[in-house]
Amino acid sequence: MGVLVIGGDRIGAIKETLKSYGVKRITHWDGRNKRGVCLKSIPEGIDYIFMLTDFLNHNAMYKFKKEAKQKDIPVVCTKRSCSMLECQLCKIFGKKSCEK
């Protein structure tokens, strides 16, 4: 499974959480450079897009949500927190261990 994470500067703990759910390929764009991130296009082989909303501008979110919809790729918006991400992953994979 391939995942694109957009937003956040350092996502070391988030990468480990994703790997624990069987994600093999993780691509990360920090979203810091507003112009640079909006010029990119979603790469091939991406199954899910995770947007870290507290580190991403609205124009980038809009652009990638629109492109993901055209490519039929699910978009998950969450804060840059392992616990918040884990709750979203529980929903995706149907696990009931998340109480939030």
C-alpha atoms as a PDB file:
ATOM      1  CA  MET A   1       0.000   0.000   0.000  1.00  0.00           C
ATOM      2  CA  GLY A   2       1.256   3.462  -0.876  1.00  0.00           C
ATOM      3  CA  VAL A   3       0.414   6.560   1.139  1.00  0.00           C
ATOM      4  CA  LEU A   4       1.033  10.252   0.501  1.00  0.00           C
ATOM      5  CA  VAL A   5       1.319  12.420   3.621  1.00  0.00           C
ATOM      6  CA  ILE A   6       0.975  16.149   2.956  1.00  0.00           C
ATOM      7  CA  GLY A   7       1.888  18.613   5.704  1.00  0.00           C
ATOM      8  CA  GLY A   8       4.101  18.583   8.776  1.00  0.00           C
ATOM      9  CA  ASP A   9       7.849  19.064   8.875  1.00  0.00           C
ATOM     10  CA  ARG A  10       8.908  15.879  10.626  1.00  0.00           C
ATOM     11  CA  ILE A  11       6.687  12.813  10.609  1.00  0.00           C
ATOM     12  CA  GLY A  12       8.938  10.123  12.079  1.00  0.00           C
ATOM     13  CA  ALA A  13       6.369   8.849  14.579  1.00  0.00           C
ATOM     14  CA  ILE A  14       3.600   9.050  11.988  1.00  0.00           C
ATOM     15  CA  LYS A  15       5.680   6.951   9.591  1.00  0.00           C
ATOM     16  CA  GLU A  16       6.103   4.293  12.272  1.00  0.00           C
ATOM     17  CA  THR A  17       2.345   4.273  12.939  1.00  0.00           C
ATOM     18  CA  LEU A  18       1.616   3.874   9.228  1.00  0.00           C
ATOM     19  CA  LYS A  19       4.165   1.048   8.946  1.00  0.00           C
ATOM     20  CA  SER A  20       2.482  -0.759  11.843  1.00  0.00           C
ATOM     21  CA  TYR A  21      -0.684  -0.859   9.702  1.00  0.00           C
ATOM     22  CA  GLY A  22       1.158  -2.430   6.784  1.00  0.00           C
ATOM     23  CA  VAL A  23       1.935   0.655   4.717  1.00  0.00           C
ATOM     24  CA  LYS A  24       4.988  -0.160   2.599  1.00  0.00           C
ATOM     25  CA  ARG A  25       5.552   3.075   0.681  1.00  0.00           C
ATOM     26  CA  ILE A  26       5.269   6.467   2.375  1.00  0.00           C
ATOM     27  CA  THR A  27       5.761   9.675   0.416  1.00  0.00           C
ATOM     28  CA  HIS A  28       5.911  12.898   2.439  1.00  0.00           C
ATOM     29  CA  TRP A  29       5.558  16.488   1.243  1.00  0.00           C
ATOM     30  CA  ASP A  30       6.052  19.001   4.043  1.00  0.00           C
ATOM     31  CA  GLY A  31       3.779  21.697   2.593  1.00  0.00           C
ATOM     32  CA  ARG A  32       6.017  24.438   3.970  1.00  0.00           C
ATOM     33  CA  ASN A  33       6.781  25.930   0.551  1.00  0.00           C
ATOM     34  CA  LYS A  34       3.317  27.043  -0.552  1.00  0.00           C
ATOM     35  CA  ARG A  35       4.185  27.430  -4.215  1.00  0.00           C
ATOM     36  CA  GLY A  36       6.301  24.284  -4.421  1.00  0.00           C
ATOM     37  CA  VAL A  37       3.734  21.877  -3.001  1.00  0.00           C
ATOM     38  CA  CYS A  38       0.917  23.199  -5.208  1.00  0.00           C
ATOM     39  CA  LEU A  39       2.994  22.546  -8.344  1.00  0.00           C
ATOM     40  CA  LYS A  40       3.256  18.844  -7.529  1.00  0.00           C
ATOM     41  CA  SER A  41       0.920  16.143  -8.712  1.00  0.00           C
ATOM     42  CA  ILE A  42      -0.158  12.993  -6.877  1.00  0.00           C
ATOM     43  CA  PRO A  43       2.315  10.231  -7.816  1.00  0.00           C
ATOM     44  CA  GLU A  44       1.285   6.839  -9.175  1.00  0.00           C
ATOM     45  CA  GLY A  45       0.678   3.976  -6.769  1.00  0.00           C
ATOM     46  CA  ILE A  46      -0.891   6.049  -3.994  1.00  0.00           C
ATOM     47  CA  ASP A  47      -3.790   4.331  -2.220  1.00  0.00           C
ATOM     48  CA  TYR A  48      -4.537   6.959   0.447  1.00  0.00           C
ATOM     49  CA  ILE A  49      -3.716  10.602   1.045  1.00  0.00           C
ATOM     50  CA  PHE A  50      -3.325  11.851   4.597  1.00  0.00           C
ATOM     51  CA  MET A  51      -3.473  15.625   5.008  1.00  0.00           C
ATOM     52  CA  LEU A  52      -2.062  17.009   8.236  1.00  0.00           C
ATOM     53  CA  THR A  53      -4.408  19.973   8.451  1.00  0.00           C
ATOM     54  CA  ASP A  54      -2.595  22.007  11.077  1.00  0.00           C
ATOM     55  CA  PHE A  55       0.455  22.280   8.789  1.00  0.00           C
ATOM     56  CA  LEU A  56      -1.143  22.820   5.373  1.00  0.00           C
ATOM     57  CA  ASN A  57      -2.595  25.840   3.630  1.00  0.00           C
ATOM     58  CA  HIS A  58      -6.141  25.848   2.252  1.00  0.00           C
ATOM     59  CA  ASN A  59      -5.153  26.182  -1.396  1.00  0.00           C
ATOM     60  CA  ALA A  60      -3.003  23.044  -1.231  1.00  0.00           C
ATOM     61  CA  MET A  61      -5.783  21.140   0.539  1.00  0.00           C
ATOM     62  CA  TYR A  62      -8.307  22.181  -2.090  1.00  0.00           C
ATOM     63  CA  LYS A  63      -5.997  21.281  -4.990  1.00  0.00           C
ATOM     64  CA  PHE A  64      -5.097  17.826  -3.715  1.00  0.00           C
ATOM     65  CA  LYS A  65      -8.629  16.945  -2.613  1.00  0.00           C
ATOM     66  CA  LYS A  66      -9.840  17.809  -6.106  1.00  0.00           C
ATOM     67  CA  GLU A  67      -7.073  15.800  -7.804  1.00  0.00           C
ATOM     68  CA  ALA A  68      -7.626  12.839  -5.451  1.00  0.00           C
ATOM     69  CA  LYS A  69     -11.330  12.830  -6.257  1.00  0.00           C
ATOM     70  CA  GLN A  70     -10.540  12.694  -9.986  1.00  0.00           C
ATOM     71  CA  LYS A  71      -8.173   9.750  -9.381  1.00  0.00           C
ATOM     72  CA  ASP A  72     -10.591   8.062  -6.928  1.00  0.00           C
ATOM     73  CA  ILE A  73      -8.086   8.156  -4.042  1.00  0.00           C
ATOM     74  CA  PRO A  74      -9.487   8.476  -0.499  1.00  0.00           C
ATOM     75  CA  VAL A  75      -8.369  11.565   1.414  1.00  0.00           C
ATOM     76  CA  VAL A  76      -8.073  11.526   5.192  1.00  0.00           C
ATOM     77  CA  CYS A  77      -7.715  14.857   7.000  1.00  0.00           C
ATOM     78  CA  THR A  78      -6.265  14.765  10.491  1.00  0.00           C
ATOM     79  CA  LYS A  79      -4.111  16.778  12.840  1.00  0.00           C
ATOM     80  CA  ARG A  80      -0.410  15.963  13.152  1.00  0.00           C
ATOM     81  CA  SER A  81      -0.856  13.581  16.030  1.00  0.00           C
ATOM     82  CA  CYS A  82      -0.211   9.844  16.120  1.00  0.00           C
ATOM     83  CA  SER A  83      -3.321   9.234  18.214  1.00  0.00           C
ATOM     84  CA  MET A  84      -5.546  11.163  15.784  1.00  0.00           C
ATOM     85  CA  LEU A  85      -3.980   9.329  12.852  1.00  0.00           C
ATOM     86  CA  GLU A  86      -4.445   5.995  14.605  1.00  0.00           C
ATOM     87  CA  CYS A  87      -8.173   6.713  15.021  1.00  0.00           C
ATOM     88  CA  GLN A  88      -8.463   7.379  11.285  1.00  0.00           C
ATOM     89  CA  LEU A  89      -6.529   4.185  10.486  1.00  0.00           C
ATOM     90  CA  CYS A  90      -8.860   2.214  12.775  1.00  0.00           C
ATOM     91  CA  LYS A  91     -11.819   3.504  10.763  1.00  0.00           C
ATOM     92  CA  ILE A  92     -10.157   2.620   7.454  1.00  0.00           C
ATOM     93  CA  PHE A  93      -9.140  -0.880   8.469  1.00  0.00           C
ATOM     94  CA  GLY A  94     -12.253  -1.621  10.526  1.00  0.00           C
ATOM     95  CA  LYS A  95     -10.505  -2.096  13.854  1.00  0.00           C
ATOM     96  CA  LYS A  96     -12.470  -1.287  16.974  1.00  0.00           C
ATOM     97  CA  SER A  97      -9.528  -0.517  19.269  1.00  0.00           C
ATOM     98  CA  CYS A  98      -9.913   3.263  18.919  1.00  0.00           C
ATOM     99  CA  GLU A  99     -12.201   4.796  21.513  1.00  0.00           C
ATOM    100  CA  LYS A 100     -12.094   8.399  20.281  1.00  0.00           C
END
